Amino acid sequence: MTFLEATRTSYDAIAADYASRFPDAMGGVALDRAVVGAFAELARTHSPAPVADLGSGPGHVTALLHDLGLPVFGVDLSPRMVALARRAHPGLRFHEGSMTGLDLPDATLGGIAALYSVIHVPDEHLPATFAEFHRVLRPGAPVLLSFQTTEAEDHLHISERFGHEIALDYYWRTPEQVEQLLIEAGLAPYARVRREADGGEKYARAFLLARRPR
């Protein structure tokens, strides 16, 4: 089973539990919302070019970006996640697909948000994934990544969540590692934010904001 198949099957299994467990896109953390707000301001300058929320899950972040004034749509590997998102947000568009190969023309997106979704992409596939981001972004358009981070690269395999048997791999990386891969894909770093774990979180969080050069 490929990592895409394993990720799709795992999130299909936990979709309903995940959506009810995490009903707030930003978990109520003000700093996280501020970073997303900054991304939205940058992306808004490229309107009406659409923004893609990659790894959109039950649609919470897509809805938040819509509320911030962006013409946004969601993309997720899991058909059940897409179905939940469409039911919860009937006025928004959600599609099944993979960030590793987007069914979009070159230079058409006004922004990409990939919040806590590159954590399931193995190291050897990240360069091609970021090259795909570069391909579909308009010149000057931003990309926002967020991910759990540790002091050193780490890999975690989860075989059970919410009482469901799954096969889901997580890849923890440092902001510096991910930023270097963005640079190698032709994307220009713009801002880096790291915060410590908050509330019941186990890991610190990193946000990287980059842009396709004009």
Protein backbone atom coordinates (compact mmCIF):
# COMPACT_ATOMS: atom_id res chain seq x y z
CA MET A 1 0.00 0.00 0.00
CA THR A 2 1.40 3.42 -0.96
CA PHE A 3 1.50 6.27 1.55
CA LEU A 4 -1.37 7.95 -0.33
CA GLU A 5 -3.53 4.83 -0.09
CA ALA A 6 -2.69 4.38 3.60
CA THR A 7 -3.47 8.02 4.39
CA ARG A 8 -6.75 7.92 2.45
CA THR A 9 -7.92 4.69 4.10
CA SER A 10 -6.92 5.85 7.58
CA TYR A 11 -8.74 9.19 7.34
CA ASP A 12 -11.80 7.51 5.85
CA ALA A 13 -11.90 5.35 8.98
CA ILE A 14 -11.62 8.21 11.48
CA ALA A 15 -13.36 11.00 9.53
CA ALA A 16 -16.47 11.38 11.69
CA ASP A 17 -14.58 11.11 14.99
CA TYR A 18 -11.91 13.54 13.80
CA ALA A 19 -14.50 16.14 12.75
CA SER A 20 -16.29 16.00 16.10
CA ARG A 21 -13.06 15.98 18.11
CA PHE A 22 -11.59 19.03 16.35
CA PRO A 23 -14.50 21.39 15.58
CA ASP A 24 -12.38 24.57 15.62
CA ALA A 25 -10.01 25.18 12.72
CA MET A 26 -7.36 26.91 14.83
CA GLY A 27 -8.10 25.34 18.19
CA GLY A 28 -8.84 28.74 19.68
CA VAL A 29 -5.15 29.77 19.61
CA ALA A 30 -4.94 33.50 18.81
CA LEU A 31 -1.43 33.33 17.33
CA ASP A 32 -2.47 30.64 14.85
CA ARG A 33 -5.42 32.73 13.71
CA ALA A 34 -3.20 35.76 13.31
CA VAL A 35 -0.83 33.85 11.02
CA VAL A 36 -3.73 32.61 8.92
CA GLY A 37 -5.05 36.16 8.78
CA ALA A 38 -1.71 37.40 7.46
CA PHE A 39 -1.77 34.70 4.78
CA ALA A 40 -5.30 35.74 3.82
CA GLU A 41 -4.22 39.36 3.36
CA LEU A 42 -1.42 38.32 1.02
CA ALA A 43 -3.66 35.96 -0.95
CA ARG A 44 -6.45 38.54 -1.23
CA THR A 45 -4.22 40.70 -3.46
CA HIS A 46 -4.44 37.94 -6.09
CA SER A 47 -8.25 37.72 -6.06
CA PRO A 48 -10.23 36.55 -7.98
CA ALA A 49 -7.62 33.79 -8.39
CA PRO A 50 -8.77 30.97 -6.08
CA VAL A 51 -6.99 29.69 -2.99
CA ALA A 52 -6.61 25.94 -2.38
CA ASP A 53 -6.84 24.46 1.11
CA LEU A 54 -4.86 21.24 0.67
CA GLY A 55 -5.64 18.48 3.14
CA SER A 56 -8.90 20.26 3.94
CA GLY A 57 -10.36 17.47 6.09
CA PRO A 58 -13.85 18.36 7.39
CA GLY A 59 -13.56 21.85 5.93
CA HIS A 60 -12.95 23.99 9.02
CA VAL A 61 -9.94 25.85 7.60
CA THR A 62 -11.62 26.24 4.20
CA ALA A 63 -14.59 27.88 5.91
CA LEU A 64 -12.31 30.16 7.93
CA LEU A 65 -10.48 31.29 4.79
CA HIS A 66 -13.85 31.93 3.13
CA ASP A 67 -14.89 34.05 6.11
CA LEU A 68 -11.65 36.01 5.67
CA GLY A 69 -12.78 36.97 2.18
CA LEU A 70 -10.93 34.46 0.00
CA PRO A 71 -12.35 32.57 -3.00
CA VAL A 72 -11.31 29.20 -1.61
CA PHE A 73 -11.88 25.51 -2.26
CA GLY A 74 -10.76 22.40 -0.38
CA VAL A 75 -8.91 19.32 -1.58
CA ASP A 76 -8.56 16.12 0.44
CA LEU A 77 -7.50 12.54 -0.18
CA SER A 78 -10.32 11.07 1.89
CA PRO A 79 -13.75 10.73 0.22
CA ARG A 80 -15.41 10.58 3.64
CA MET A 81 -13.69 13.79 4.74
CA VAL A 82 -14.84 15.47 1.53
CA ALA A 83 -18.41 14.26 2.12
CA LEU A 84 -18.36 15.62 5.70
CA ALA A 85 -17.00 18.97 4.50
CA ARG A 86 -19.65 19.30 1.80
CA ARG A 87 -22.38 18.52 4.32
CA ALA A 88 -21.06 20.98 6.90
CA HIS A 89 -20.30 23.76 4.38
CA PRO A 90 -22.73 23.38 1.47
CA GLY A 91 -21.82 26.77 0.01
CA LEU A 92 -18.16 25.84 -0.50
CA ARG A 93 -16.39 23.55 -2.97
CA PHE A 94 -14.53 20.42 -1.90
CA HIS A 95 -12.79 17.92 -4.15
CA GLU A 96 -11.06 14.59 -3.78
CA GLY A 97 -7.42 14.80 -4.75
CA SER A 98 -3.78 14.77 -3.69
CA MET A 99 -1.43 17.68 -3.12
CA THR A 100 1.27 15.58 -4.77
CA GLY A 101 -0.46 15.91 -8.15
CA LEU A 102 -3.01 18.70 -8.48
CA ASP A 103 -5.47 18.66 -11.38
CA LEU A 104 -4.96 22.37 -12.02
CA PRO A 105 -3.37 24.44 -14.81
CA ASP A 106 -0.07 26.20 -14.23
CA ALA A 107 -0.01 29.54 -12.37
CA THR A 108 -3.72 29.64 -11.52
CA LEU A 109 -3.86 29.75 -7.71
CA GLY A 110 -3.81 32.92 -5.64
CA GLY A 111 -2.59 30.97 -2.62
CA ILE A 112 -2.13 27.56 -1.02
CA ALA A 113 -2.86 26.66 2.59
CA ALA A 114 -1.60 23.27 3.76
CA LEU A 115 -2.20 23.17 7.49
CA TYR A 116 -1.07 19.99 9.23
CA SER A 117 -1.23 18.01 5.97
CA VAL A 118 2.39 17.74 4.80
CA ILE A 119 3.01 15.82 8.04
CA HIS A 120 1.86 12.67 6.20
CA VAL A 121 4.13 13.14 3.17
CA PRO A 122 7.38 11.09 3.39
CA ASP A 123 10.67 12.93 3.02
CA GLU A 124 11.38 11.55 -0.43
CA HIS A 125 8.08 12.94 -1.78
CA LEU A 126 8.24 16.44 -0.30
CA PRO A 127 10.48 18.00 -3.00
CA ALA A 128 8.08 16.97 -5.77
CA THR A 129 5.11 18.12 -3.69
CA PHE A 130 6.58 21.58 -3.18
CA ALA A 131 7.50 21.72 -6.89
CA GLU A 132 3.81 21.09 -7.58
CA PHE A 133 2.91 24.02 -5.30
CA HIS A 134 5.30 26.21 -7.28
CA ARG A 135 3.73 25.08 -10.56
CA VAL A 136 0.14 25.97 -9.71
CA LEU A 137 0.78 29.24 -7.82
CA ARG A 138 0.60 32.57 -9.59
CA PRO A 139 3.80 34.65 -9.42
CA GLY A 140 3.81 36.43 -6.07
CA ALA A 141 1.12 34.20 -4.55
CA PRO A 142 1.67 32.84 -1.02
CA VAL A 143 1.79 29.37 0.47
CA LEU A 144 1.23 28.71 4.18
CA LEU A 145 2.38 25.49 5.82
CA SER A 146 1.85 24.43 9.41
CA PHE A 147 3.12 21.32 11.13
CA GLN A 148 4.10 19.88 14.47
CA THR A 149 7.81 20.23 15.01
CA THR A 150 10.57 18.80 17.16
CA GLU A 151 14.25 19.63 17.57
CA ALA A 152 15.20 16.80 15.22
CA GLU A 153 13.57 14.91 12.38
CA ASP A 154 11.35 12.09 13.62
CA HIS A 155 8.90 9.53 12.26
CA LEU A 156 5.87 8.10 14.02
CA HIS A 157 3.61 5.27 12.87
CA ILE A 158 0.09 5.12 14.32
CA SER A 159 -1.95 1.90 14.08
CA GLU A 160 -4.99 2.98 16.14
CA ARG A 161 -6.91 6.20 16.65
CA PHE A 162 -10.38 6.86 18.09
CA GLY A 163 -10.81 3.11 18.41
CA HIS A 164 -10.21 2.48 14.69
CA GLU A 165 -7.42 0.38 13.21
CA ILE A 166 -5.37 2.55 10.85
CA ALA A 167 -1.91 2.73 9.27
CA LEU A 168 -0.92 6.38 9.39
CA ASP A 169 2.60 7.76 9.29
CA TYR A 170 3.57 11.14 10.75
CA TYR A 171 6.78 12.96 9.90
CA TRP A 172 8.02 15.61 12.35
CA ARG A 173 10.51 18.08 10.86
CA THR A 174 12.27 21.25 11.90
CA PRO A 175 11.22 24.55 10.28
CA GLU A 176 14.72 24.86 8.84
CA GLN A 177 14.44 21.52 7.04
CA VAL A 178 11.09 22.37 5.48
CA GLU A 179 12.16 25.90 4.57
CA GLN A 180 15.19 24.55 2.71
CA LEU A 181 12.94 22.25 0.66
CA LEU A 182 10.70 25.20 -0.21
CA ILE A 183 13.73 27.13 -1.42
CA GLU A 184 14.89 24.18 -3.54
CA ALA A 185 11.41 24.07 -5.11
CA GLY A 186 11.78 27.71 -6.15
CA LEU A 187 9.61 29.24 -3.42
CA ALA A 188 10.89 32.26 -1.50
CA PRO A 189 10.55 32.19 2.33
CA TYR A 190 8.68 35.16 3.75
CA ALA A 191 8.06 34.44 7.44
CA ARG A 192 8.63 31.74 10.03
CA VAL A 193 6.68 31.39 13.29
CA ARG A 194 7.30 28.75 15.95
CA ARG A 195 5.26 28.44 19.11
CA GLU A 196 5.44 26.03 22.01
CA ALA A 197 2.80 23.38 22.66
CA ASP A 198 -0.42 24.87 23.98
CA GLY A 199 -3.03 23.22 26.18
CA GLY A 200 -3.07 19.48 25.58
CA GLU A 201 -0.71 19.57 22.59
CA LYS A 202 2.36 17.34 22.71
CA TYR A 203 4.53 19.14 20.17
CA ALA A 204 5.52 22.67 19.30
CA ARG A 205 3.96 24.13 16.14
CA ALA A 206 5.64 25.79 13.18
CA PHE A 207 4.17 28.03 10.48
CA LEU A 208 6.07 28.80 7.30
CA LEU A 209 4.92 31.46 4.87
CA ALA A 210 6.53 31.58 1.43
CA ARG A 211 5.74 32.99 -2.00
CA ARG A 212 6.35 32.09 -5.58
CA PRO A 213 8.72 34.80 -6.81
CA ARG A 214 7.34 37.31 -9.29
